């Protein structure tokens, strides 16, 4: 304890400078979105290399589990390929206007208010900002920043994440958000109370965005209540995907998104 106090006294001006400098940088990033985005992009490139090395070591220890996963996925693909006439409802067949880039999760968080996911592929593999990220179980998030070999994903578990949804049984649409409490649950607050709901109803992605294909599973209704003050439900959704156990994901890209965006931009200028 004596040595610590002596160290602080000897270096008090340096420590004060570091403290003020850190505070200044924090204020700069909080109030300037451009600098914040560039900082995230820069840090992604270098911290991701560490996460990738750590992930590779973990992979070595989990080879059997990884092989089992790959075998299962391979079996699913073979089933679709060999019995294509019986799989007309398959997500991959329905959404042939999307490209799917398989990637591995090398860093992930679920216990923060704003969570991010790091992937082991980047611009070299064709990944760009704004692309959607999904798994076989559901929606994961949107690509936020990209370096040559890595991508940073804004997770569904983020206060800025908002996902357009359909209530599968009747195709009513709404917005799914995360309240910041439980990584297994999200909320919908904009479905009117005249829409019939039941526990267990399935929620899927809607067709109004070029980020995700239509029909990607998200979760089921866990419970709901009517809000008499605004005429809408508060609906708790139990997510299909376990965000605390993410290993492999697909980055999806609409092959027609550029055409759609150009057309919509023309309409905005009229």
Protein backbone atom coordinates (compact mmCIF):
# COMPACT_ATOMS: atom_id res chain seq x y z
CA UNK A 1 0.00 0.00 0.00
CA UNK A 2 2.87 2.35 0.90
CA UNK A 3 4.55 1.65 -2.45
CA UNK A 4 1.31 2.37 -4.33
CA UNK A 5 0.89 5.76 -2.61
CA UNK A 6 4.53 6.58 -3.32
CA UNK A 7 4.10 5.63 -6.99
CA UNK A 8 1.02 7.90 -7.29
CA UNK A 9 2.87 10.83 -5.70
CA UNK A 10 5.83 10.43 -8.03
CA UNK A 11 3.67 10.19 -11.14
CA UNK A 12 0.70 12.36 -10.20
CA UNK A 13 1.05 14.75 -13.14
CA UNK A 14 1.39 11.93 -15.68
CA UNK A 15 -1.60 10.10 -14.21
CA UNK A 16 -3.65 13.30 -14.21
CA UNK A 17 -2.75 13.90 -17.87
CA UNK A 18 -3.77 10.34 -18.84
CA UNK A 19 -7.06 10.71 -16.95
CA UNK A 20 -7.93 14.03 -18.64
CA UNK A 21 -6.86 12.74 -22.06
CA UNK A 22 -9.01 9.63 -21.66
CA UNK A 23 -11.99 11.72 -20.60
CA UNK A 24 -11.51 14.02 -23.61
CA UNK A 25 -11.36 11.10 -26.05
CA UNK A 26 -14.52 9.61 -24.52
CA UNK A 27 -16.39 12.89 -24.99
CA UNK A 28 -15.14 13.17 -28.57
CA UNK A 29 -16.35 9.68 -29.51
CA UNK A 30 -19.70 10.08 -27.75
CA UNK A 31 -20.52 13.31 -29.56
CA UNK A 32 -19.03 12.68 -33.00
CA UNK A 33 -20.45 9.70 -34.87
CA UNK A 34 -17.85 9.86 -37.68
CA UNK A 35 -14.86 9.62 -35.31
CA UNK A 36 -16.62 6.90 -33.32
CA UNK A 37 -17.25 4.83 -36.46
CA UNK A 38 -13.64 5.20 -37.60
CA UNK A 39 -12.38 4.19 -34.16
CA UNK A 40 -14.54 1.06 -34.15
CA UNK A 41 -13.38 0.18 -37.67
CA UNK A 42 -9.71 0.66 -36.72
CA UNK A 43 -9.97 -1.33 -33.49
CA UNK A 44 -11.88 -4.14 -35.23
CA UNK A 45 -8.94 -4.82 -37.53
CA UNK A 46 -6.44 -5.32 -34.71
CA UNK A 47 -8.47 -6.75 -31.84
CA UNK A 48 -10.07 -9.29 -34.18
CA UNK A 49 -6.69 -10.87 -34.87
CA UNK A 50 -6.38 -11.64 -31.16
CA UNK A 51 -9.93 -13.03 -31.01
CA UNK A 52 -9.21 -15.17 -34.07
CA UNK A 53 -6.09 -16.71 -32.46
CA UNK A 54 -8.00 -17.39 -29.27
CA UNK A 55 -10.87 -18.90 -31.24
CA UNK A 56 -8.50 -21.15 -33.21
CA UNK A 57 -7.13 -22.59 -29.97
CA UNK A 58 -10.67 -23.20 -28.71
CA UNK A 59 -11.52 -24.91 -32.01
CA UNK A 60 -8.64 -27.31 -31.52
CA UNK A 61 -10.05 -28.28 -28.13
CA UNK A 62 -13.55 -28.68 -29.57
CA UNK A 63 -12.83 -30.54 -32.80
CA UNK A 64 -15.36 -33.28 -32.12
CA UNK A 65 -18.17 -30.81 -31.46
CA UNK A 66 -17.28 -28.81 -34.59
CA UNK A 67 -17.18 -31.95 -36.73
CA UNK A 68 -20.58 -33.01 -35.42
CA UNK A 69 -21.98 -29.59 -36.32
CA UNK A 70 -20.54 -29.74 -39.84
CA UNK A 71 -21.88 -33.24 -40.38
CA UNK A 72 -25.36 -32.10 -39.32
CA UNK A 73 -25.25 -29.09 -41.64
CA UNK A 74 -23.97 -31.22 -44.49
CA UNK A 75 -26.83 -33.66 -43.98
CA UNK A 76 -29.36 -30.81 -44.18
CA UNK A 77 -27.88 -29.55 -47.44
CA UNK A 78 -27.84 -33.05 -48.93
CA UNK A 79 -31.46 -33.51 -47.95
CA UNK A 80 -32.46 -30.31 -49.73
CA UNK A 81 -30.37 -31.11 -52.81
CA UNK A 82 -31.52 -34.70 -53.19
CA UNK A 83 -35.18 -34.00 -52.46
CA UNK A 84 -35.57 -30.52 -53.88
CA UNK A 85 -39.12 -31.14 -55.10
CA UNK A 86 -40.18 -31.84 -51.52
CA UNK A 87 -38.54 -28.73 -50.06
CA UNK A 88 -40.43 -25.92 -51.78
CA UNK A 89 -40.77 -24.13 -48.43
CA UNK A 90 -37.02 -24.14 -47.75
CA UNK A 91 -35.59 -20.73 -46.87
CA UNK A 92 -32.67 -21.18 -49.27
CA UNK A 93 -34.98 -22.07 -52.17
CA UNK A 94 -37.53 -19.33 -51.43
CA UNK A 95 -34.81 -16.69 -51.29
CA UNK A 96 -32.59 -17.51 -54.24
CA UNK A 97 -31.97 -13.77 -54.73
CA UNK A 98 -29.70 -13.81 -51.68
CA UNK A 99 -26.06 -14.88 -51.38
CA UNK A 100 -25.01 -16.68 -48.18
CA UNK A 101 -21.46 -16.30 -46.81
CA UNK A 102 -20.65 -18.79 -44.01
CA UNK A 103 -18.55 -17.29 -41.22
CA UNK A 104 -17.38 -18.15 -37.73
CA UNK A 105 -18.05 -16.15 -34.57
CA UNK A 106 -14.74 -15.33 -32.85
CA UNK A 107 -16.04 -12.89 -30.23
CA UNK A 108 -19.49 -12.21 -28.82
CA UNK A 109 -21.23 -10.56 -25.86
CA UNK A 110 -24.76 -10.88 -24.46
CA UNK A 111 -24.61 -9.14 -21.07
CA UNK A 112 -24.14 -5.51 -22.17
CA UNK A 113 -26.77 -2.96 -23.20
CA UNK A 114 -25.12 -2.72 -26.63
CA UNK A 115 -23.69 -6.02 -27.81
CA UNK A 116 -21.45 -6.72 -30.80
CA UNK A 117 -20.29 -9.90 -32.56
CA UNK A 118 -16.94 -10.33 -34.34
CA UNK A 119 -16.72 -12.61 -37.41
CA UNK A 120 -13.62 -14.15 -38.99
CA UNK A 121 -14.32 -12.85 -42.52
CA UNK A 122 -14.34 -9.36 -43.99
CA UNK A 123 -14.23 -7.39 -47.23
CA UNK A 124 -11.91 -9.94 -48.83
CA UNK A 125 -14.79 -12.43 -48.63
CA UNK A 126 -17.32 -9.99 -50.05
CA UNK A 127 -18.80 -8.77 -46.77
CA UNK A 128 -19.95 -5.13 -46.63
CA UNK A 129 -21.54 -2.81 -44.09
CA UNK A 130 -25.31 -3.23 -43.84
CA UNK A 131 -25.49 -6.92 -44.71
CA UNK A 132 -27.73 -9.11 -42.56
CA UNK A 133 -26.49 -11.97 -40.37
CA UNK A 134 -28.59 -15.07 -39.66
CA UNK A 135 -28.33 -18.69 -38.54
CA UNK A 136 -30.54 -21.70 -39.16
CA UNK A 137 -32.34 -20.70 -35.95
CA UNK A 138 -32.95 -17.02 -36.57
CA UNK A 139 -31.84 -13.40 -37.04
CA UNK A 140 -28.51 -12.38 -35.48
CA UNK A 141 -27.83 -8.78 -36.51
CA UNK A 142 -26.42 -6.41 -39.14
CA UNK A 143 -22.80 -5.89 -40.24
CA UNK A 144 -21.62 -2.61 -38.70
CA UNK A 145 -17.92 -2.35 -39.63
CA UNK A 146 -15.62 -4.31 -41.94
CA UNK A 147 -11.86 -4.71 -42.30
CA UNK A 148 -10.06 -6.89 -44.81
CA UNK A 149 -10.35 -10.11 -42.81
CA UNK A 150 -12.91 -9.40 -40.08
CA UNK A 151 -16.42 -8.02 -39.57
CA UNK A 152 -18.10 -6.41 -36.58
CA UNK A 153 -21.84 -7.11 -36.29
CA UNK A 154 -24.37 -4.95 -34.46
CA UNK A 155 -26.17 -7.71 -32.57
CA UNK A 156 -29.94 -8.06 -32.31
CA UNK A 157 -29.11 -7.51 -28.61
CA UNK A 158 -28.38 -3.80 -29.11
CA UNK A 159 -30.49 -0.74 -28.29
CA UNK A 160 -30.22 0.50 -31.90
CA UNK A 161 -31.30 -2.82 -33.43
CA UNK A 162 -34.81 -2.85 -34.92
CA UNK A 163 -36.02 -5.80 -37.00
CA UNK A 164 -39.11 -5.77 -39.22
CA UNK A 165 -41.32 -8.79 -38.51
CA UNK A 166 -44.40 -10.65 -39.67
CA UNK A 167 -46.76 -12.55 -37.40
CA UNK A 168 -46.50 -15.72 -39.45
CA UNK A 169 -50.11 -16.89 -39.16
CA UNK A 170 -51.65 -13.72 -40.61
CA UNK A 171 -48.67 -11.65 -41.89
CA UNK A 172 -49.37 -8.61 -39.72
CA UNK A 173 -46.20 -6.55 -39.49
CA UNK A 174 -44.34 -4.87 -36.61
CA UNK A 175 -40.92 -4.01 -35.22
CA UNK A 176 -38.90 -6.25 -32.87
CA UNK A 177 -36.52 -4.62 -30.38
CA UNK A 178 -34.39 -5.73 -27.44
CA UNK A 179 -35.10 -4.19 -24.05
CA UNK A 180 -31.65 -4.93 -22.64
CA UNK A 181 -32.47 -7.45 -19.92
CA UNK A 182 -32.55 -11.06 -21.11
CA UNK A 183 -30.60 -12.28 -24.18
CA UNK A 184 -33.29 -14.91 -24.78
CA UNK A 185 -36.18 -12.44 -25.05
CA UNK A 186 -37.12 -9.47 -27.27
CA UNK A 187 -40.21 -7.25 -27.43
CA UNK A 188 -42.78 -6.03 -29.97
CA UNK A 189 -44.77 -2.91 -29.00
CA UNK A 190 -46.54 -1.84 -32.19
CA UNK A 191 -49.12 -4.54 -32.99
CA UNK A 192 -52.70 -3.21 -32.51
CA UNK A 193 -54.90 -5.00 -29.98
CA UNK A 194 -57.51 -6.01 -32.57
CA UNK A 195 -55.03 -8.55 -34.01
CA UNK A 196 -55.68 -12.04 -32.57
CA UNK A 197 -52.65 -13.46 -30.74
CA UNK A 198 -51.82 -16.74 -29.02
CA UNK A 199 -48.89 -17.93 -26.98
CA UNK A 200 -46.58 -19.90 -29.25
CA UNK A 201 -47.36 -17.91 -32.43
CA UNK A 202 -44.26 -17.71 -34.64
CA UNK A 203 -42.53 -14.45 -35.57
CA UNK A 204 -40.54 -14.22 -38.83
CA UNK A 205 -38.75 -11.49 -40.82
CA UNK A 206 -40.91 -9.38 -43.10
CA UNK A 207 -40.44 -8.48 -46.78
CA UNK A 208 -39.98 -4.73 -46.33
CA UNK A 209 -36.20 -4.77 -45.92
CA UNK A 210 -33.37 -5.84 -48.19
CA UNK A 211 -31.24 -6.80 -45.17
CA UNK A 212 -32.84 -10.18 -44.43
CA UNK A 213 -34.73 -12.62 -46.63
CA UNK A 214 -38.43 -12.82 -45.88
CA UNK A 215 -39.45 -15.73 -43.66
CA UNK A 216 -36.36 -16.11 -41.46
CA UNK A 217 -37.49 -17.47 -38.09
CA UNK A 218 -37.02 -15.18 -35.09
CA UNK A 219 -38.98 -16.64 -32.19
CA UNK A 220 -42.39 -17.36 -30.66
CA UNK A 221 -44.76 -15.34 -28.48
CA UNK A 222 -44.00 -16.11 -24.83
CA UNK A 223 -46.67 -13.81 -23.36
CA UNK A 224 -48.48 -10.56 -24.13
CA UNK A 225 -50.74 -7.92 -22.64
CA UNK A 226 -53.04 -5.22 -24.00
CA UNK A 227 -52.18 -1.60 -23.24
CA UNK A 228 -55.44 0.29 -22.76
CA UNK A 229 -53.69 3.67 -22.94
CA UNK A 230 -52.37 3.34 -26.52
CA UNK A 231 -54.30 0.45 -28.11
CA UNK A 232 -51.24 -1.73 -28.73
CA UNK A 233 -49.88 -4.97 -27.29
CA UNK A 234 -46.69 -5.43 -25.32
CA UNK A 235 -45.47 -8.79 -26.64
CA UNK A 236 -42.53 -10.74 -25.22
CA UNK A 237 -40.83 -12.92 -27.83
CA UNK A 238 -38.82 -16.00 -26.92
CA UNK A 239 -35.93 -16.04 -29.42
CA UNK A 240 -35.12 -19.29 -31.23
CA UNK A 241 -31.38 -18.60 -31.31
CA UNK A 242 -29.27 -18.93 -28.16
CA UNK A 243 -27.04 -15.86 -28.48
CA UNK A 244 -24.82 -17.14 -25.68
CA UNK A 245 -23.85 -20.16 -27.80
CA UNK A 246 -23.17 -18.69 -31.25
CA UNK A 247 -20.49 -20.46 -33.28
CA UNK A 248 -21.31 -20.22 -37.00
CA UNK A 249 -23.48 -17.72 -38.86
CA UNK A 250 -24.38 -16.73 -42.42
CA UNK A 251 -23.86 -13.21 -43.75
CA UNK A 252 -26.63 -12.64 -46.30
CA UNK A 253 -26.61 -10.26 -49.23
CA UNK A 254 -29.49 -9.44 -51.56
CA UNK A 255 -28.37 -9.58 -55.19
CA UNK A 256 -31.12 -7.07 -56.02
CA UNK A 257 -30.65 -4.65 -53.12
CA UNK A 258 -28.69 -2.10 -55.14
CA UNK A 259 -31.45 -1.88 -57.76
CA UNK A 260 -34.11 -1.49 -55.05
CA UNK A 261 -32.17 1.22 -53.21
CA UNK A 262 -31.59 3.23 -56.41
CA UNK A 263 -35.30 3.13 -57.21
CA UNK A 264 -36.26 4.19 -53.69
CA UNK A 265 -33.75 7.06 -53.79
CA UNK A 266 -35.36 8.35 -56.98
CA UNK A 267 -38.76 8.38 -55.27
CA UNK A 268 -37.35 10.41 -52.36
CA UNK A 269 -36.20 13.17 -54.71
CA UNK A 270 -39.58 13.62 -56.39
